[in-house]
Amino acid sequence: MNDLLVIGFRTVLLYVLILLILRIMGKREVGELGVIDIVVFIIMAEVAAFALDSPDKKLIQSIVPMTILLVIQYGSSLISLKSKKFRDLVDGDPSLIIEHGKILESEMRKQRYNLDDLFQQLREQQVGSIHEVSYAYLEPSGNLSVFKHDDVQPVLALISDGVIQSRHVKLIGQTEEWLENELQGLGVSDASHVFYCSYENGKLQYQLKEQYQ
């Protein structure tokens, strides 16, 4: 009976603690969770299970690891906010899978993404033919973003947090030198001063970082 009371108390306490941790981690849908988030959730579940399966063990032995996990996740979120390279390292970057109705086989092999998965996700978005697709991107979350020829076409960040996205620049058929020259023509001397830049309707759109506005 005593063990049941201990387990009941721990269940309520761990529920409140995990709820608090999730609130601190921020609002995101399950499909948008990053790799670090998933790892944190898995380990947190194991720690909680240990606390409930072993009522004879001190509760602090579970609370401390969960608190450390929270610190790790919160710290990684702050680093991700400031570093695009860290975000790409942890969560990855969208991969172009279809371009103007052509499946990019090499990119699919690189992402270990097969045709069955591709066609399933196209059907789920009511796309009947590859040739309807202008661009399709496999997102870091595993979702497929599809743009048809008649849709508003996707806009890629050429600069994010002051860092030139070389891969995106190449996708629009340009070079970093071209981008820097275009920015200088607009009065921007250094790409690192740019918070966000994209290429839309044949012209650059950009926003400077607050300290350079």
C-alpha atoms as a PDB file:
ATOM      1  CA  MET A   1       0.000   0.000   0.000  1.00  0.00           C
ATOM      2  CA  ASN A   2       2.868   2.328   0.851  1.00  0.00           C
ATOM      3  CA  ASP A   3       4.481   1.650  -2.540  1.00  0.00           C
ATOM      4  CA  LEU A   4       1.195   2.480  -4.293  1.00  0.00           C
ATOM      5  CA  LEU A   5       1.022   5.837  -2.513  1.00  0.00           C
ATOM      6  CA  VAL A   6       4.633   6.577  -3.439  1.00  0.00           C
ATOM      7  CA  ILE A   7       3.992   5.649  -7.096  1.00  0.00           C
ATOM      8  CA  GLY A   8       0.811   7.751  -7.145  1.00  0.00           C
ATOM      9  CA  PHE A   9       2.597  10.758  -5.682  1.00  0.00           C
ATOM     10  CA  ARG A  10       5.509  10.383  -8.098  1.00  0.00           C
ATOM     11  CA  THR A  11       3.154  10.040 -11.069  1.00  0.00           C
ATOM     12  CA  VAL A  12       1.458  13.336 -10.255  1.00  0.00           C
ATOM     13  CA  LEU A  13       4.769  15.074  -9.509  1.00  0.00           C
ATOM     14  CA  LEU A  14       6.445  13.800 -12.696  1.00  0.00           C
ATOM     15  CA  TYR A  15       3.379  14.769 -14.738  1.00  0.00           C
ATOM     16  CA  VAL A  16       3.584  18.332 -13.455  1.00  0.00           C
ATOM     17  CA  LEU A  17       7.376  18.428 -13.931  1.00  0.00           C
ATOM     18  CA  ILE A  18       7.248  17.105 -17.514  1.00  0.00           C
ATOM     19  CA  LEU A  19       4.388  19.488 -18.337  1.00  0.00           C
ATOM     20  CA  LEU A  20       6.487  22.371 -17.002  1.00  0.00           C
ATOM     21  CA  ILE A  21       9.512  21.251 -19.039  1.00  0.00           C
ATOM     22  CA  LEU A  22       7.428  21.017 -22.221  1.00  0.00           C
ATOM     23  CA  ARG A  23       6.040  24.505 -21.635  1.00  0.00           C
ATOM     24  CA  ILE A  24       9.565  25.868 -21.218  1.00  0.00           C
ATOM     25  CA  MET A  25      10.685  24.072 -24.396  1.00  0.00           C
ATOM     26  CA  GLY A  26       8.110  26.078 -26.369  1.00  0.00           C
ATOM     27  CA  LYS A  27       5.127  25.435 -28.612  1.00  0.00           C
ATOM     28  CA  ARG A  28       5.845  23.171 -31.538  1.00  0.00           C
ATOM     29  CA  GLU A  29       3.903  20.480 -33.328  1.00  0.00           C
ATOM     30  CA  VAL A  30       5.152  16.889 -33.075  1.00  0.00           C
ATOM     31  CA  GLY A  31       6.146  16.908 -36.745  1.00  0.00           C
ATOM     32  CA  GLU A  32       8.311  19.972 -36.172  1.00  0.00           C
ATOM     33  CA  LEU A  33      10.390  18.511 -33.347  1.00  0.00           C
ATOM     34  CA  GLY A  34      14.128  18.592 -33.913  1.00  0.00           C
ATOM     35  CA  VAL A  35      16.568  15.761 -33.283  1.00  0.00           C
ATOM     36  CA  ILE A  36      17.589  17.147 -29.887  1.00  0.00           C
ATOM     37  CA  ASP A  37      13.923  17.464 -28.848  1.00  0.00           C
ATOM     38  CA  ILE A  38      13.241  13.834 -29.721  1.00  0.00           C
ATOM     39  CA  VAL A  39      16.341  12.594 -27.882  1.00  0.00           C
ATOM     40  CA  VAL A  40      15.341  14.637 -24.818  1.00  0.00           C
ATOM     41  CA  PHE A  41      11.805  13.191 -24.868  1.00  0.00           C
ATOM     42  CA  ILE A  42      13.044   9.603 -25.186  1.00  0.00           C
ATOM     43  CA  ILE A  43      15.520   9.908 -22.307  1.00  0.00           C
ATOM     44  CA  MET A  44      12.969  11.799 -20.226  1.00  0.00           C
ATOM     45  CA  ALA A  45      10.470   8.981 -20.698  1.00  0.00           C
ATOM     46  CA  GLU A  46      13.066   6.432 -19.582  1.00  0.00           C
ATOM     47  CA  VAL A  47      13.946   8.486 -16.486  1.00  0.00           C
ATOM     48  CA  ALA A  48      10.261   8.851 -15.569  1.00  0.00           C
ATOM     49  CA  ALA A  49       9.729   5.102 -16.036  1.00  0.00           C
ATOM     50  CA  PHE A  50      12.695   4.414 -13.741  1.00  0.00           C
ATOM     51  CA  ALA A  51      11.201   6.650 -11.038  1.00  0.00           C
ATOM     52  CA  LEU A  52       7.843   4.838 -11.206  1.00  0.00           C
ATOM     53  CA  ASP A  53       9.271   1.322 -11.477  1.00  0.00           C
ATOM     54  CA  SER A  54      11.596   1.804  -8.510  1.00  0.00           C
ATOM     55  CA  PRO A  55       9.654   3.448  -5.671  1.00  0.00           C
ATOM     56  CA  ASP A  56      12.472   2.476  -3.274  1.00  0.00           C
ATOM     57  CA  LYS A  57      14.910   4.765  -5.102  1.00  0.00           C
ATOM     58  CA  LYS A  58      15.157   8.444  -4.180  1.00  0.00           C
ATOM     59  CA  LEU A  59      13.059  10.703  -6.391  1.00  0.00           C
ATOM     60  CA  ILE A  60      15.931  13.169  -6.676  1.00  0.00           C
ATOM     61  CA  GLN A  61      17.751  10.563  -8.811  1.00  0.00           C
ATOM     62  CA  SER A  62      15.121  11.160 -11.493  1.00  0.00           C
ATOM     63  CA  ILE A  63      14.552  14.882 -11.000  1.00  0.00           C
ATOM     64  CA  VAL A  64      18.249  15.759 -11.463  1.00  0.00           C
ATOM     65  CA  PRO A  65      18.621  14.022 -14.873  1.00  0.00           C
ATOM     66  CA  MET A  66      15.366  15.593 -16.101  1.00  0.00           C
ATOM     67  CA  THR A  67      16.570  19.018 -15.009  1.00  0.00           C
ATOM     68  CA  ILE A  68      19.871  18.452 -16.821  1.00  0.00           C
ATOM     69  CA  LEU A  69      17.943  17.447 -19.964  1.00  0.00           C
ATOM     70  CA  LEU A  70      15.954  20.671 -19.722  1.00  0.00           C
ATOM     71  CA  VAL A  71      19.160  22.713 -19.449  1.00  0.00           C
ATOM     72  CA  ILE A  72      20.647  20.886 -22.473  1.00  0.00           C
ATOM     73  CA  GLN A  73      17.526  21.447 -24.578  1.00  0.00           C
ATOM     74  CA  TYR A  74      17.154  25.085 -23.542  1.00  0.00           C
ATOM     75  CA  GLY A  75      20.840  25.755 -24.149  1.00  0.00           C
ATOM     76  CA  SER A  76      20.714  24.148 -27.603  1.00  0.00           C
ATOM     77  CA  SER A  77      17.663  26.274 -28.439  1.00  0.00           C
ATOM     78  CA  LEU A  78      19.584  29.450 -27.591  1.00  0.00           C
ATOM     79  CA  ILE A  79      22.539  28.325 -29.708  1.00  0.00           C
ATOM     80  CA  SER A  80      20.189  27.431 -32.588  1.00  0.00           C
ATOM     81  CA  LEU A  81      18.644  30.882 -32.386  1.00  0.00           C
ATOM     82  CA  LYS A  82      22.038  32.510 -32.897  1.00  0.00           C
ATOM     83  CA  SER A  83      23.779  30.010 -35.186  1.00  0.00           C
ATOM     84  CA  LYS A  84      22.482  28.842 -38.572  1.00  0.00           C
ATOM     85  CA  LYS A  85      25.394  26.402 -38.830  1.00  0.00           C
ATOM     86  CA  PHE A  86      24.346  24.742 -35.581  1.00  0.00           C
ATOM     87  CA  ARG A  87      20.731  24.495 -36.793  1.00  0.00           C
ATOM     88  CA  ASP A  88      21.870  22.856 -40.018  1.00  0.00           C
ATOM     89  CA  LEU A  89      24.154  20.476 -38.110  1.00  0.00           C
ATOM     90  CA  VAL A  90      21.433  19.353 -35.706  1.00  0.00           C
ATOM     91  CA  ASP A  91      18.225  19.572 -37.738  1.00  0.00           C
ATOM     92  CA  GLY A  92      19.530  19.525 -41.303  1.00  0.00           C
ATOM     93  CA  ASP A  93      18.431  21.572 -44.303  1.00  0.00           C
ATOM     94  CA  PRO A  94      15.512  20.991 -46.715  1.00  0.00           C
ATOM     95  CA  SER A  95      16.471  18.758 -49.647  1.00  0.00           C
ATOM     96  CA  LEU A  96      15.243  19.407 -53.177  1.00  0.00           C
ATOM     97  CA  ILE A  97      13.653  16.135 -54.350  1.00  0.00           C
ATOM     98  CA  ILE A  98      11.735  17.217 -57.477  1.00  0.00           C
ATOM     99  CA  GLU A  99      12.684  20.067 -59.796  1.00  0.00           C
ATOM    100  CA  HIS A 100      10.413  20.987 -62.726  1.00  0.00           C
ATOM    101  CA  GLY A 101       8.847  17.532 -62.872  1.00  0.00           C
ATOM    102  CA  LYS A 102      12.155  15.645 -62.612  1.00  0.00           C
ATOM    103  CA  ILE A 103      12.987  13.442 -59.621  1.00  0.00           C
ATOM    104  CA  LEU A 104      16.529  14.088 -58.363  1.00  0.00           C
ATOM    105  CA  GLU A 105      17.688  10.504 -57.875  1.00  0.00           C
ATOM    106  CA  SER A 106      21.066  11.375 -56.344  1.00  0.00           C
ATOM    107  CA  GLU A 107      19.442  13.525 -53.641  1.00  0.00           C
ATOM    108  CA  MET A 108      16.912  10.783 -52.860  1.00  0.00           C
ATOM    109  CA  ARG A 109      19.729   8.269 -52.396  1.00  0.00           C
ATOM    110  CA  LYS A 110      21.603  10.737 -50.209  1.00  0.00           C
ATOM    111  CA  GLN A 111      18.528  11.166 -47.979  1.00  0.00           C
ATOM    112  CA  ARG A 112      17.691   7.422 -48.093  1.00  0.00           C
ATOM    113  CA  TYR A 113      14.260   8.395 -49.368  1.00  0.00           C
ATOM    114  CA  ASN A 114      12.573   5.876 -51.656  1.00  0.00           C
ATOM    115  CA  LEU A 115       9.991   6.211 -54.423  1.00  0.00           C
ATOM    116  CA  ASP A 116       7.227   4.555 -52.385  1.00  0.00           C
ATOM    117  CA  ASP A 117       7.587   7.216 -49.677  1.00  0.00           C
ATOM    118  CA  LEU A 118       7.672   9.957 -52.295  1.00  0.00           C
ATOM    119  CA  PHE A 119       4.538   8.792 -54.107  1.00  0.00           C
ATOM    120  CA  GLN A 120       2.674   8.258 -50.828  1.00  0.00           C
ATOM    121  CA  GLN A 121       3.378  11.807 -49.699  1.00  0.00           C
ATOM    122  CA  LEU A 122       2.422  13.169 -53.118  1.00  0.00           C
ATOM    123  CA  ARG A 123      -0.912  11.299 -52.950  1.00  0.00           C
ATOM    124  CA  GLU A 124      -1.523  12.663 -49.457  1.00  0.00           C
ATOM    125  CA  GLN A 125      -1.294  16.150 -50.971  1.00  0.00           C
ATOM    126  CA  GLN A 126      -3.609  15.197 -53.879  1.00  0.00           C
ATOM    127  CA  VAL A 127      -0.796  15.351 -56.432  1.00  0.00           C
ATOM    128  CA  GLY A 128      -1.455  12.781 -59.131  1.00  0.00           C
ATOM    129  CA  SER A 129       1.604  13.218 -61.329  1.00  0.00           C
ATOM    130  CA  ILE A 130       5.255  14.110 -60.908  1.00  0.00           C
ATOM    131  CA  HIS A 131       4.898  16.419 -63.911  1.00  0.00           C
ATOM    132  CA  GLU A 132       2.449  18.626 -61.974  1.00  0.00           C
ATOM    133  CA  VAL A 133       5.256  19.478 -59.549  1.00  0.00           C
ATOM    134  CA  SER A 134       7.475  22.515 -59.972  1.00  0.00           C
ATOM    135  CA  TYR A 135       9.464  21.948 -56.769  1.00  0.00           C
ATOM    136  CA  ALA A 136       9.227  19.439 -53.931  1.00  0.00           C
ATOM    137  CA  TYR A 137      11.372  19.722 -50.793  1.00  0.00           C
ATOM    138  CA  LEU A 138      11.932  17.042 -48.184  1.00  0.00           C
ATOM    139  CA  GLU A 139      11.881  19.003 -44.935  1.00  0.00           C
ATOM    140  CA  PRO A 140      14.059  18.162 -41.894  1.00  0.00           C
ATOM    141  CA  SER A 141      10.839  17.008 -40.166  1.00  0.00           C
ATOM    142  CA  GLY A 142      10.331  14.357 -42.874  1.00  0.00           C
ATOM    143  CA  ASN A 143       7.355  16.160 -44.431  1.00  0.00           C
ATOM    144  CA  LEU A 144       7.268  16.813 -48.173  1.00  0.00           C
ATOM    145  CA  SER A 145       6.558  20.401 -49.262  1.00  0.00           C
ATOM    146  CA  VAL A 146       5.121  20.400 -52.773  1.00  0.00           C
ATOM    147  CA  PHE A 147       4.723  23.358 -55.139  1.00  0.00           C
ATOM    148  CA  LYS A 148       2.825  22.955 -58.401  1.00  0.00           C
ATOM    149  CA  HIS A 149       3.571  24.985 -61.527  1.00  0.00           C
ATOM    150  CA  ASP A 150       0.563  27.257 -60.948  1.00  0.00           C
ATOM    151  CA  ASP A 151       1.345  27.842 -57.263  1.00  0.00           C
ATOM    152  CA  VAL A 152       3.349  30.697 -55.783  1.00  0.00           C
ATOM    153  CA  GLN A 153       6.868  29.340 -56.054  1.00  0.00           C
ATOM    154  CA  PRO A 154       9.004  28.650 -52.964  1.00  0.00           C
ATOM    155  CA  VAL A 155      11.261  31.385 -51.643  1.00  0.00           C
ATOM    156  CA  LEU A 156      14.656  30.319 -50.328  1.00  0.00           C
ATOM    157  CA  ALA A 157      16.735  32.288 -47.839  1.00  0.00           C
ATOM    158  CA  LEU A 158      19.920  33.382 -49.595  1.00  0.00           C
ATOM    159  CA  ILE A 159      21.191  34.878 -46.339  1.00  0.00           C
ATOM    160  CA  SER A 160      20.103  33.757 -42.897  1.00  0.00           C
ATOM    161  CA  ASP A 161      21.423  35.381 -39.708  1.00  0.00           C
ATOM    162  CA  GLY A 162      24.229  37.012 -41.669  1.00  0.00           C
ATOM    163  CA  VAL A 163      25.403  33.745 -43.275  1.00  0.00           C
ATOM    164  CA  ILE A 164      25.196  33.258 -47.058  1.00  0.00           C
ATOM    165  CA  GLN A 165      23.383  30.026 -47.906  1.00  0.00           C
ATOM    166  CA  SER A 166      25.600  28.851 -50.760  1.00  0.00           C
ATOM    167  CA  ARG A 167      23.381  25.906 -51.627  1.00  0.00           C
ATOM    168  CA  HIS A 168      20.325  28.119 -51.984  1.00  0.00           C
ATOM    169  CA  VAL A 169      22.229  30.661 -54.079  1.00  0.00           C
ATOM    170  CA  LYS A 170      23.268  27.857 -56.416  1.00  0.00           C
ATOM    171  CA  LEU A 171      19.664  26.637 -56.679  1.00  0.00           C
ATOM    172  CA  ILE A 172      18.596  29.961 -58.219  1.00  0.00           C
ATOM    173  CA  GLY A 173      21.459  29.713 -60.712  1.00  0.00           C
ATOM    174  CA  GLN A 174      23.670  32.392 -59.172  1.00  0.00           C
ATOM    175  CA  THR A 175      26.941  32.700 -57.235  1.00  0.00           C
ATOM    176  CA  GLU A 176      27.979  34.230 -53.921  1.00  0.00           C
ATOM    177  CA  GLU A 177      29.924  36.879 -55.828  1.00  0.00           C
ATOM    178  CA  TRP A 178      26.753  37.851 -57.696  1.00  0.00           C
ATOM    179  CA  LEU A 179      24.849  38.103 -54.409  1.00  0.00           C
ATOM    180  CA  GLU A 180      27.497  40.282 -52.767  1.00  0.00           C
ATOM    181  CA  ASN A 181      27.621  42.573 -55.808  1.00  0.00           C
ATOM    182  CA  GLU A 182      23.832  42.918 -55.795  1.00  0.00           C
ATOM    183  CA  LEU A 183      23.843  43.788 -52.103  1.00  0.00           C
ATOM    184  CA  GLN A 184      26.532  46.415 -52.610  1.00  0.00           C
ATOM    185  CA  GLY A 185      24.386  47.922 -55.347  1.00  0.00           C
ATOM    186  CA  LEU A 186      21.627  48.230 -52.744  1.00  0.00           C
ATOM    187  CA  GLY A 187      23.962  49.914 -50.266  1.00  0.00           C
ATOM    188  CA  VAL A 188      24.751  46.847 -48.127  1.00  0.00           C
ATOM    189  CA  SER A 189      28.522  46.577 -47.748  1.00  0.00           C
ATOM    190  CA  ASP A 190      28.669  43.301 -45.801  1.00  0.00           C
ATOM    191  CA  ALA A 191      26.431  40.229 -46.023  1.00  0.00           C
ATOM    192  CA  SER A 192      26.977  39.610 -42.306  1.00  0.00           C
ATOM    193  CA  HIS A 193      24.873  42.726 -41.616  1.00  0.00           C
ATOM    194  CA  VAL A 194      21.823  41.068 -43.238  1.00  0.00           C
ATOM    195  CA  PHE A 195      19.340  39.240 -41.042  1.00  0.00           C
ATOM    196  CA  TYR A 196      17.374  37.751 -43.932  1.00  0.00           C
ATOM    197  CA  CYS A 197      17.617  37.955 -47.730  1.00  0.00           C
ATOM    198  CA  SER A 198      15.644  36.233 -50.491  1.00  0.00           C
ATOM    199  CA  TYR A 199      15.201  36.500 -54.251  1.00  0.00           C
ATOM    200  CA  GLU A 200      11.594  37.168 -55.249  1.00  0.00           C
ATOM    201  CA  ASN A 201      10.079  38.216 -58.572  1.00  0.00           C
ATOM    202  CA  GLY A 202      13.478  38.951 -60.082  1.00  0.00           C
ATOM    203  CA  LYS A 203      14.792  41.154 -57.253  1.00  0.00           C
ATOM    204  CA  LEU A 204      16.457  40.834 -53.877  1.00  0.00           C
ATOM    205  CA  GLN A 205      14.405  41.347 -50.742  1.00  0.00           C
ATOM    206  CA  TYR A 206      16.370  41.826 -47.535  1.00  0.00           C
ATOM    207  CA  GLN A 207      16.159  42.902 -43.919  1.00  0.00           C
ATOM    208  CA  LEU A 208      19.157  44.190 -41.995  1.00  0.00           C
ATOM    209  CA  LYS A 209      19.945  43.093 -38.457  1.00  0.00           C
ATOM    210  CA  GLU A 210      18.597  45.489 -35.856  1.00  0.00           C
ATOM    211  CA  GLN A 211      22.019  46.937 -34.983  1.00  0.00           C
ATOM    212  CA  TYR A 212      22.580  47.913 -38.637  1.00  0.00           C
ATOM    213  CA  GLN A 213      19.162  49.420 -39.344  1.00  0.00           C
END
